[in-house]
C-alpha atoms as a PDB file:
ATOM      1  CA  MET A   1       0.018  -0.020  -0.210  1.00  0.00           C
ATOM      2  CA  SER A   2       1.328   3.517  -0.814  1.00  0.00           C
ATOM      3  CA  LEU A   3       2.053   6.096   1.527  1.00  0.00           C
ATOM      4  CA  THR A   4      -0.304   8.384  -0.052  1.00  0.00           C
ATOM      5  CA  ARG A   5      -3.236   5.907   0.285  1.00  0.00           C
ATOM      6  CA  LEU A   6      -2.324   5.257   4.086  1.00  0.00           C
ATOM      7  CA  LEU A   7      -2.142   8.957   4.489  1.00  0.00           C
ATOM      8  CA  PHE A   8      -5.363   9.294   2.896  1.00  0.00           C
ATOM      9  CA  ILE A   9      -6.932   6.362   4.886  1.00  0.00           C
ATOM     10  CA  ALA A  10      -5.672   8.242   8.305  1.00  0.00           C
ATOM     11  CA  VAL A  11      -7.223  11.496   7.311  1.00  0.00           C
ATOM     12  CA  VAL A  12     -10.263   9.997   6.506  1.00  0.00           C
ATOM     13  CA  ILE A  13     -10.469   8.163   9.912  1.00  0.00           C
ATOM     14  CA  SER A  14      -9.607  11.434  11.908  1.00  0.00           C
ATOM     15  CA  ILE A  15     -12.359  13.053   9.840  1.00  0.00           C
ATOM     16  CA  LEU A  16     -14.829  10.353  10.967  1.00  0.00           C
ATOM     17  CA  THR A  17     -13.983  10.267  14.528  1.00  0.00           C
ATOM     18  CA  LEU A  18     -13.325  14.134  15.215  1.00  0.00           C
ATOM     19  CA  PRO A  19     -17.271  14.397  15.901  1.00  0.00           C
ATOM     20  CA  ILE A  20     -17.056  11.747  18.461  1.00  0.00           C
ATOM     21  CA  VAL A  21     -14.167  13.272  20.171  1.00  0.00           C
ATOM     22  CA  VAL A  22     -16.018  16.798  20.277  1.00  0.00           C
ATOM     23  CA  PHE A  23     -19.347  15.159  21.391  1.00  0.00           C
ATOM     24  CA  ALA A  24     -17.360  13.651  24.323  1.00  0.00           C
ATOM     25  CA  LEU A  25     -15.421  16.714  25.140  1.00  0.00           C
ATOM     26  CA  GLU A  26     -18.624  18.705  25.198  1.00  0.00           C
ATOM     27  CA  ASN A  27     -20.457  16.429  27.481  1.00  0.00           C
ATOM     28  CA  TYR A  28     -17.200  16.514  29.853  1.00  0.00           C
ATOM     29  CA  GLY A  29     -17.534  20.433  30.170  1.00  0.00           C
ATOM     30  CA  GLN A  30     -21.252  20.348  30.468  1.00  0.00           C
ATOM     31  CA  GLN A  31     -20.553  17.623  33.493  1.00  0.00           C
ATOM     32  CA  MET A  32     -17.708  19.720  34.887  1.00  0.00           C
ATOM     33  CA  ALA A  33     -19.808  23.012  34.681  1.00  0.00           C
ATOM     34  CA  THR A  34     -22.710  21.051  36.797  1.00  0.00           C
ATOM     35  CA  ILE A  35     -20.467  20.350  39.158  1.00  0.00           C
ATOM     36  CA  ILE A  36     -19.264  24.053  39.497  1.00  0.00           C
ATOM     37  CA  SER A  37     -22.831  24.968  39.461  1.00  0.00           C
ATOM     38  CA  LEU A  38     -23.565  22.906  42.595  1.00  0.00           C
ATOM     39  CA  TYR A  39     -20.722  24.733  44.687  1.00  0.00           C
ATOM     40  CA  GLU A  40     -21.959  27.864  43.189  1.00  0.00           C
ATOM     41  CA  ILE A  41     -25.520  27.245  44.563  1.00  0.00           C
ATOM     42  CA  LEU A  42     -24.306  25.699  47.792  1.00  0.00           C
ATOM     43  CA  SER A  43     -21.934  28.451  48.616  1.00  0.00           C
ATOM     44  CA  GLY A  44     -24.273  31.328  47.674  1.00  0.00           C
ATOM     45  CA  LYS A  45     -25.977  33.701  50.054  1.00  0.00           C
ATOM     46  CA  LYS A  46     -29.832  32.732  48.900  1.00  0.00           C
ATOM     47  CA  SER A  47     -31.328  29.249  49.606  1.00  0.00           C
ATOM     48  CA  PRO A  48     -31.068  26.950  47.014  1.00  0.00           C
ATOM     49  CA  THR A  49     -34.335  26.028  45.480  1.00  0.00           C
ATOM     50  CA  VAL A  50     -36.088  22.930  43.934  1.00  0.00           C
ATOM     51  CA  SER A  51     -35.482  24.581  40.465  1.00  0.00           C
ATOM     52  CA  ASP A  52     -31.743  24.369  41.389  1.00  0.00           C
ATOM     53  CA  PHE A  53     -32.145  20.663  42.469  1.00  0.00           C
ATOM     54  CA  PHE A  54     -33.792  19.802  39.228  1.00  0.00           C
ATOM     55  CA  ARG A  55     -31.074  21.845  37.236  1.00  0.00           C
ATOM     56  CA  ILE A  56     -28.337  19.693  39.103  1.00  0.00           C
ATOM     57  CA  PHE A  57     -29.525  16.405  39.645  1.00  0.00           C
ATOM     58  CA  GLY A  58     -32.539  16.266  37.262  1.00  0.00           C
ATOM     59  CA  LYS A  59     -36.287  16.449  37.714  1.00  0.00           C
ATOM     60  CA  GLY A  60     -36.490  12.376  37.820  1.00  0.00           C
ATOM     61  CA  ASN A  61     -34.269  12.401  40.723  1.00  0.00           C
ATOM     62  CA  GLU A  62     -36.580  11.409  44.061  1.00  0.00           C
ATOM     63  CA  ALA A  63     -34.280  12.660  46.588  1.00  0.00           C
ATOM     64  CA  GLU A  64     -36.023  15.955  46.793  1.00  0.00           C
ATOM     65  CA  LEU A  65     -39.365  14.266  46.874  1.00  0.00           C
ATOM     66  CA  GLN A  66     -38.269  11.955  49.620  1.00  0.00           C
ATOM     67  CA  LEU A  67     -37.186  14.474  51.818  1.00  0.00           C
ATOM     68  CA  ILE A  68     -40.267  16.632  51.329  1.00  0.00           C
ATOM     69  CA  LEU A  69     -42.758  13.759  52.166  1.00  0.00           C
ATOM     70  CA  ARG A  70     -40.785  12.480  54.948  1.00  0.00           C
ATOM     71  CA  LYS A  71     -40.469  15.967  56.691  1.00  0.00           C
ATOM     72  CA  ARG A  72     -43.769  17.332  55.815  1.00  0.00           C
ATOM     73  CA  PHE A  73     -45.679  14.236  55.686  1.00  0.00           C
ATOM     74  CA  PRO A  74     -44.054  11.714  57.817  1.00  0.00           C
ATOM     75  CA  SER A  75     -47.223   9.331  58.602  1.00  0.00           C
ATOM     76  CA  LEU A  76     -47.134   8.770  54.842  1.00  0.00           C
ATOM     77  CA  ASP A  77     -45.023   5.899  53.088  1.00  0.00           C
ATOM     78  CA  TRP A  78     -43.154   8.094  50.774  1.00  0.00           C
ATOM     79  CA  LYS A  79     -42.501   4.701  48.468  1.00  0.00           C
ATOM     80  CA  GLY A  80     -46.013   4.024  48.312  1.00  0.00           C
ATOM     81  CA  ASN A  81     -49.090   5.420  47.756  1.00  0.00           C
ATOM     82  CA  TRP A  82     -48.463   9.364  49.222  1.00  0.00           C
ATOM     83  CA  PHE A  83     -50.418  10.509  46.067  1.00  0.00           C
ATOM     84  CA  ALA A  84     -53.553   9.141  47.290  1.00  0.00           C
ATOM     85  CA  ASN A  85     -53.295  11.739  50.194  1.00  0.00           C
ATOM     86  CA  GLN A  86     -54.877  14.634  48.363  1.00  0.00           C
ATOM     87  CA  GLU A  87     -52.945  17.334  51.149  1.00  0.00           C
ATOM     88  CA  ALA A  88     -49.590  15.849  49.806  1.00  0.00           C
ATOM     89  CA  ALA A  89     -50.481  15.238  46.227  1.00  0.00           C
ATOM     90  CA  ASN A  90     -51.496  18.883  46.170  1.00  0.00           C
ATOM     91  CA  TYR A  91     -48.477  20.220  47.785  1.00  0.00           C
ATOM     92  CA  ILE A  92     -45.960  17.929  45.516  1.00  0.00           C
ATOM     93  CA  ASN A  93     -47.914  19.167  42.663  1.00  0.00           C
ATOM     94  CA  ASN A  94     -47.359  22.818  43.451  1.00  0.00           C
ATOM     95  CA  VAL A  95     -43.572  22.192  44.353  1.00  0.00           C
ATOM     96  CA  TYR A  96     -43.023  20.626  40.813  1.00  0.00           C
ATOM     97  CA  SER A  97     -45.284  23.028  38.979  1.00  0.00           C
ATOM     98  CA  ASP A  98     -43.612  26.316  40.484  1.00  0.00           C
ATOM     99  CA  PRO A  99     -39.893  24.868  41.633  1.00  0.00           C
ATOM    100  CA  ILE A 100     -38.168  28.376  41.795  1.00  0.00           C
ATOM    101  CA  GLN A 101     -40.620  29.170  44.644  1.00  0.00           C
ATOM    102  CA  TYR A 102     -39.567  26.271  47.177  1.00  0.00           C
ATOM    103  CA  PRO A 103     -36.639  26.023  49.228  1.00  0.00           C
ATOM    104  CA  SER A 104     -34.796  22.544  47.978  1.00  0.00           C
ATOM    105  CA  LEU A 105     -34.619  20.489  51.236  1.00  0.00           C
ATOM    106  CA  PHE A 106     -32.091  17.995  49.634  1.00  0.00           C
ATOM    107  CA  LEU A 107     -29.646  20.537  48.433  1.00  0.00           C
ATOM    108  CA  GLN A 108     -30.112  22.455  52.216  1.00  0.00           C
ATOM    109  CA  CYS A 109     -29.431  18.959  53.478  1.00  0.00           C
ATOM    110  CA  ILE A 110     -25.950  18.408  51.843  1.00  0.00           C
ATOM    111  CA  LYS A 111     -24.751  21.968  52.813  1.00  0.00           C
ATOM    112  CA  THR A 112     -25.708  21.775  56.345  1.00  0.00           C
ATOM    113  CA  ALA A 113     -24.768  17.792  56.857  1.00  0.00           C
ATOM    114  CA  GLU A 114     -21.340  18.323  55.097  1.00  0.00           C
ATOM    115  CA  PRO A 115     -20.586  22.089  55.276  1.00  0.00           C
ATOM    116  CA  GLU A 116     -16.826  21.681  55.089  1.00  0.00           C
ATOM    117  CA  LEU A 117     -17.495  19.847  51.455  1.00  0.00           C
ATOM    118  CA  PHE A 118     -20.383  21.596  50.064  1.00  0.00           C
ATOM    119  CA  ALA A 119     -20.954  25.051  51.749  1.00  0.00           C
ATOM    120  CA  VAL A 120     -17.633  26.725  50.668  1.00  0.00           C
ATOM    121  CA  GLU A 121     -16.757  28.163  47.375  1.00  0.00           C
ATOM    122  CA  PHE A 122     -15.130  25.978  44.682  1.00  0.00           C
ATOM    123  CA  HIS A 123     -11.454  25.711  45.185  1.00  0.00           C
ATOM    124  CA  GLY A 124     -10.921  22.172  44.401  1.00  0.00           C
ATOM    125  CA  GLN A 125      -9.584  20.174  41.522  1.00  0.00           C
ATOM    126  CA  ILE A 126     -11.429  18.270  38.895  1.00  0.00           C
ATOM    127  CA  GLU A 127      -9.126  15.640  37.431  1.00  0.00           C
ATOM    128  CA  PHE A 128      -9.176  15.006  33.784  1.00  0.00           C
ATOM    129  CA  PRO A 129      -9.895  12.905  31.894  1.00  0.00           C
ATOM    130  CA  PRO A 130     -12.766  11.417  34.028  1.00  0.00           C
ATOM    131  CA  LYS A 131     -13.163   7.453  34.603  1.00  0.00           C
ATOM    132  CA  VAL A 132     -15.548   6.347  32.179  1.00  0.00           C
ATOM    133  CA  THR A 133     -17.443   3.109  32.356  1.00  0.00           C
ATOM    134  CA  LYS A 134     -20.010   1.405  30.029  1.00  0.00           C
ATOM    135  CA  ASP A 135     -22.699   3.246  32.240  1.00  0.00           C
ATOM    136  CA  PHE A 136     -20.859   6.034  34.069  1.00  0.00           C
ATOM    137  CA  THR A 137     -18.769   8.891  33.749  1.00  0.00           C
ATOM    138  CA  THR A 138     -16.914   9.579  37.113  1.00  0.00           C
ATOM    139  CA  PHE A 139     -15.346  13.154  37.981  1.00  0.00           C
ATOM    140  CA  SER A 140     -12.880  12.977  40.968  1.00  0.00           C
ATOM    141  CA  VAL A 141     -12.820  15.877  42.826  1.00  0.00           C
ATOM    142  CA  THR A 142     -10.071  16.936  45.180  1.00  0.00           C
ATOM    143  CA  LEU A 143     -10.808  19.600  48.008  1.00  0.00           C
ATOM    144  CA  GLY A 144      -7.774  19.856  50.295  1.00  0.00           C
ATOM    145  CA  ARG A 145      -7.175  16.171  51.346  1.00  0.00           C
ATOM    146  CA  LYS A 146     -10.489  15.061  50.600  1.00  0.00           C
ATOM    147  CA  LYS A 147     -11.763  13.219  47.617  1.00  0.00           C
ATOM    148  CA  ILE A 148     -15.382  13.398  46.126  1.00  0.00           C
ATOM    149  CA  LEU A 149     -16.575  11.483  43.377  1.00  0.00           C
ATOM    150  CA  PHE A 150     -19.179  12.915  41.146  1.00  0.00           C
ATOM    151  CA  GLU A 151     -21.000  10.056  38.969  1.00  0.00           C
ATOM    152  CA  PHE A 152     -23.023  10.982  35.866  1.00  0.00           C
ATOM    153  CA  SER A 153     -24.783   8.364  33.468  1.00  0.00           C
ATOM    154  CA  GLN A 154     -22.791   8.569  30.188  1.00  0.00           C
ATOM    155  CA  ASN A 155     -24.259  11.359  28.279  1.00  0.00           C
ATOM    156  CA  GLU A 156     -26.175  13.216  30.822  1.00  0.00           C
ATOM    157  CA  SER A 157     -25.261  16.623  32.258  1.00  0.00           C
ATOM    158  CA  LYS A 158     -27.201  15.741  35.683  1.00  0.00           C
ATOM    159  CA  ILE A 159     -25.335  14.366  38.761  1.00  0.00           C
ATOM    160  CA  GLU A 160     -26.294  10.850  39.040  1.00  0.00           C
ATOM    161  CA  ASN A 161     -24.489  10.155  42.423  1.00  0.00           C
ATOM    162  CA  ILE A 162     -22.066  11.808  44.670  1.00  0.00           C
ATOM    163  CA  TYR A 163     -19.668   9.795  46.746  1.00  0.00           C
ATOM    164  CA  LEU A 164     -18.420  11.462  49.813  1.00  0.00           C
ATOM    165  CA  PRO A 165     -14.707  10.851  51.322  1.00  0.00           C
ATOM    166  CA  ASP A 166     -15.547   7.970  53.375  1.00  0.00           C
ATOM    167  CA  ARG A 167     -17.105   6.257  49.831  1.00  0.00           C
ATOM    168  CA  GLN A 168     -20.942   6.629  51.180  1.00  0.00           C
ATOM    169  CA  SER A 169     -23.468   7.806  48.725  1.00  0.00           C
ATOM    170  CA  ILE A 170     -24.656  11.367  48.911  1.00  0.00           C
ATOM    171  CA  TYR A 171     -28.108   9.868  49.642  1.00  0.00           C
ATOM    172  CA  THR A 172     -27.092   8.736  52.848  1.00  0.00           C
ATOM    173  CA  LEU A 173     -27.202  12.175  54.294  1.00  0.00           C
ATOM    174  CA  ILE A 174     -31.174  12.255  53.766  1.00  0.00           C
ATOM    175  CA  GLU A 175     -31.346  10.155  57.061  1.00  0.00           C
ATOM    176  CA  ARG A 176     -29.312  12.455  59.009  1.00  0.00           C
ATOM    177  CA  CYS A 177     -31.303  15.479  57.717  1.00  0.00           C
ATOM    178  CA  ILE A 178     -34.689  13.638  58.520  1.00  0.00           C
ATOM    179  CA  LYS A 179     -33.731  13.817  62.245  1.00  0.00           C
END
């Protein structure tokens, strides 16, 4: 095979793979921006809202719903048929219809349960490139001597999970915040 033909094949392959590389870098940029946004929200002066929670974790994440139901309606089974309770259903409908008007119990929980990790301005280091598996993209963030892992579903910009320095999921904080 001639050198010209090999060079031509190499150019074609790089042109074809360039969009994939650009797409991956764009995703990584959005995911890193979400991490920084979380710190900006939690270190800010105003109380984080449910709208902020949706922007960071996504509307499908049930952590906010769980905290609302367990704090405001403790007698209901938050996993079960809480929606059969008209008062609870109306309240949740109001929160989800106008999320900017309601404080985020979950973001407030993170901020107060782990203030040295989340109630400060971001002065950490996001390690790049992230660890990529079949299902997740995980960014390691170093804050001082502590390392936190931010996990995203492959191509999503919403945080799937955060692992604290002790390797516990961020969702374990819910139990502390209920008390």
